[in-house]
């Protein structure tokens, strides 16, 4: 799950918009004296979906950073090794 910063902002905006829609739906349900539980359930599912998505993005970011660090360090080791052997 590789997400650019602008895509993450778009996703967060969509999530926030979903929360606003659910808030408006809650107001309508209250004004019409309808059951509120379906709205609460939907809000819970939206929040859970965001947590799962955001956790995945964070995990991918950690893996990418670890891979980049590993590659940088392996390049440094390789250069040191070559320099040492060329000087002999």
C-alpha atoms as a PDB file:
ATOM      1  CA  UNK A   1       0.000   0.000   0.000  1.00  0.00           C
ATOM      2  CA  UNK A   2       2.130   2.837  -1.277  1.00  0.00           C
ATOM      3  CA  UNK A   3       0.348   6.171  -0.873  1.00  0.00           C
ATOM      4  CA  UNK A   4       1.782   9.548  -1.773  1.00  0.00           C
ATOM      5  CA  UNK A   5       1.353  12.505   0.547  1.00  0.00           C
ATOM      6  CA  UNK A   6      -1.274  14.095  -1.708  1.00  0.00           C
ATOM      7  CA  UNK A   7      -3.191  10.800  -1.892  1.00  0.00           C
ATOM      8  CA  UNK A   8      -3.087  10.550   1.891  1.00  0.00           C
ATOM      9  CA  UNK A   9      -4.500  14.088   2.147  1.00  0.00           C
ATOM     10  CA  UNK A  10      -7.254  13.106  -0.318  1.00  0.00           C
ATOM     11  CA  UNK A  11      -8.054  10.008   1.731  1.00  0.00           C
ATOM     12  CA  UNK A  12      -8.151  11.978   4.951  1.00  0.00           C
ATOM     13  CA  UNK A  13     -10.411  14.591   3.331  1.00  0.00           C
ATOM     14  CA  UNK A  14     -12.747  11.829   2.157  1.00  0.00           C
ATOM     15  CA  UNK A  15     -12.807  10.351   5.657  1.00  0.00           C
ATOM     16  CA  UNK A  16     -13.589  13.764   7.173  1.00  0.00           C
ATOM     17  CA  UNK A  17     -16.336  14.287   4.590  1.00  0.00           C
ATOM     18  CA  UNK A  18     -17.816  10.915   5.521  1.00  0.00           C
ATOM     19  CA  UNK A  19     -17.844  11.952   9.174  1.00  0.00           C
ATOM     20  CA  UNK A  20     -19.634  15.190   8.247  1.00  0.00           C
ATOM     21  CA  UNK A  21     -22.241  13.257   6.266  1.00  0.00           C
ATOM     22  CA  UNK A  22     -22.829  10.942   9.206  1.00  0.00           C
ATOM     23  CA  UNK A  23     -23.191  13.932  11.513  1.00  0.00           C
ATOM     24  CA  UNK A  24     -25.807  15.445   9.174  1.00  0.00           C
ATOM     25  CA  UNK A  25     -27.589  12.075   8.979  1.00  0.00           C
ATOM     26  CA  UNK A  26     -27.642  11.928  12.767  1.00  0.00           C
ATOM     27  CA  UNK A  27     -29.264  15.364  12.980  1.00  0.00           C
ATOM     28  CA  UNK A  28     -31.888  14.308  10.425  1.00  0.00           C
ATOM     29  CA  UNK A  29     -32.576  11.039  12.239  1.00  0.00           C
ATOM     30  CA  UNK A  30     -33.033  12.904  15.515  1.00  0.00           C
ATOM     31  CA  UNK A  31     -35.348  15.477  13.972  1.00  0.00           C
ATOM     32  CA  UNK A  32     -37.457  12.705  12.421  1.00  0.00           C
ATOM     33  CA  UNK A  33     -37.419  10.646  15.643  1.00  0.00           C
ATOM     34  CA  UNK A  34     -35.816   7.698  13.878  1.00  0.00           C
ATOM     35  CA  UNK A  35     -33.585   5.075  15.452  1.00  0.00           C
ATOM     36  CA  UNK A  36     -30.031   6.386  15.898  1.00  0.00           C
ATOM     37  CA  UNK A  37     -28.249   3.050  16.191  1.00  0.00           C
ATOM     38  CA  UNK A  38     -27.755   2.532  12.404  1.00  0.00           C
ATOM     39  CA  UNK A  39     -25.964   5.875  12.271  1.00  0.00           C
ATOM     40  CA  UNK A  40     -23.722   4.966  15.199  1.00  0.00           C
ATOM     41  CA  UNK A  41     -22.889   1.627  13.575  1.00  0.00           C
ATOM     42  CA  UNK A  42     -21.975   3.308  10.293  1.00  0.00           C
ATOM     43  CA  UNK A  43     -19.803   5.839  12.133  1.00  0.00           C
ATOM     44  CA  UNK A  44     -18.054   2.976  13.908  1.00  0.00           C
ATOM     45  CA  UNK A  45     -17.414   1.156  10.614  1.00  0.00           C
ATOM     46  CA  UNK A  46     -16.049   4.342   9.041  1.00  0.00           C
ATOM     47  CA  UNK A  47     -13.701   4.928  11.986  1.00  0.00           C
ATOM     48  CA  UNK A  48     -12.535   1.300  11.890  1.00  0.00           C
ATOM     49  CA  UNK A  49     -11.879   1.485   8.143  1.00  0.00           C
ATOM     50  CA  UNK A  50      -9.800   4.643   8.666  1.00  0.00           C
ATOM     51  CA  UNK A  51      -7.784   3.013  11.472  1.00  0.00           C
ATOM     52  CA  UNK A  52      -7.043  -0.038   9.320  1.00  0.00           C
ATOM     53  CA  UNK A  53      -6.094   2.122   6.329  1.00  0.00           C
ATOM     54  CA  UNK A  54      -3.902   4.474   8.349  1.00  0.00           C
ATOM     55  CA  UNK A  55      -2.188   1.574  10.138  1.00  0.00           C
ATOM     56  CA  UNK A  56      -1.377   0.041   6.754  1.00  0.00           C
ATOM     57  CA  UNK A  57       0.035   3.323   5.462  1.00  0.00           C
ATOM     58  CA  UNK A  58       2.189   3.704   8.579  1.00  0.00           C
ATOM     59  CA  UNK A  59       3.468   0.128   8.351  1.00  0.00           C
ATOM     60  CA  UNK A  60       4.367   0.614   4.693  1.00  0.00           C
ATOM     61  CA  UNK A  61       6.174   3.824   5.541  1.00  0.00           C
ATOM     62  CA  UNK A  62       8.228   2.051   8.209  1.00  0.00           C
ATOM     63  CA  UNK A  63       9.118  -0.742   5.763  1.00  0.00           C
ATOM     64  CA  UNK A  64      10.109   1.779   3.081  1.00  0.00           C
ATOM     65  CA  UNK A  65      12.271   3.728   5.523  1.00  0.00           C
ATOM     66  CA  UNK A  66      13.923   0.516   6.761  1.00  0.00           C
ATOM     67  CA  UNK A  67      14.644  -0.588   3.188  1.00  0.00           C
ATOM     68  CA  UNK A  68      16.096   2.811   2.310  1.00  0.00           C
ATOM     69  CA  UNK A  69      18.312   2.768   5.408  1.00  0.00           C
ATOM     70  CA  UNK A  70      19.482  -0.771   4.620  1.00  0.00           C
ATOM     71  CA  UNK A  71      20.341   0.189   1.033  1.00  0.00           C
ATOM     72  CA  UNK A  72      22.203   3.297   2.169  1.00  0.00           C
ATOM     73  CA  UNK A  73      24.209   1.340   4.724  1.00  0.00           C
ATOM     74  CA  UNK A  74      24.977  -1.441   2.255  1.00  0.00           C
ATOM     75  CA  UNK A  75      26.218   1.167  -0.231  1.00  0.00           C
ATOM     76  CA  UNK A  76      28.439   2.633   2.478  1.00  0.00           C
ATOM     77  CA  UNK A  77      29.832  -0.804   3.341  1.00  0.00           C
ATOM     78  CA  UNK A  78      30.434  -1.587  -0.331  1.00  0.00           C
ATOM     79  CA  UNK A  79      32.267   1.700  -0.890  1.00  0.00           C
ATOM     80  CA  UNK A  80      34.402   1.159   2.198  1.00  0.00           C
ATOM     81  CA  UNK A  81      35.219  -2.376   1.079  1.00  0.00           C
ATOM     82  CA  UNK A  82      36.195  -1.199  -2.431  1.00  0.00           C
ATOM     83  CA  UNK A  83      38.256   1.684  -1.089  1.00  0.00           C
ATOM     84  CA  UNK A  84      40.136  -0.633   1.277  1.00  0.00           C
ATOM     85  CA  UNK A  85      40.898  -3.137  -1.491  1.00  0.00           C
ATOM     86  CA  UNK A  86      41.934  -0.517  -4.024  1.00  0.00           C
ATOM     87  CA  UNK A  87      44.414   1.033  -1.620  1.00  0.00           C
ATOM     88  CA  UNK A  88      46.291  -2.265  -1.202  1.00  0.00           C
END
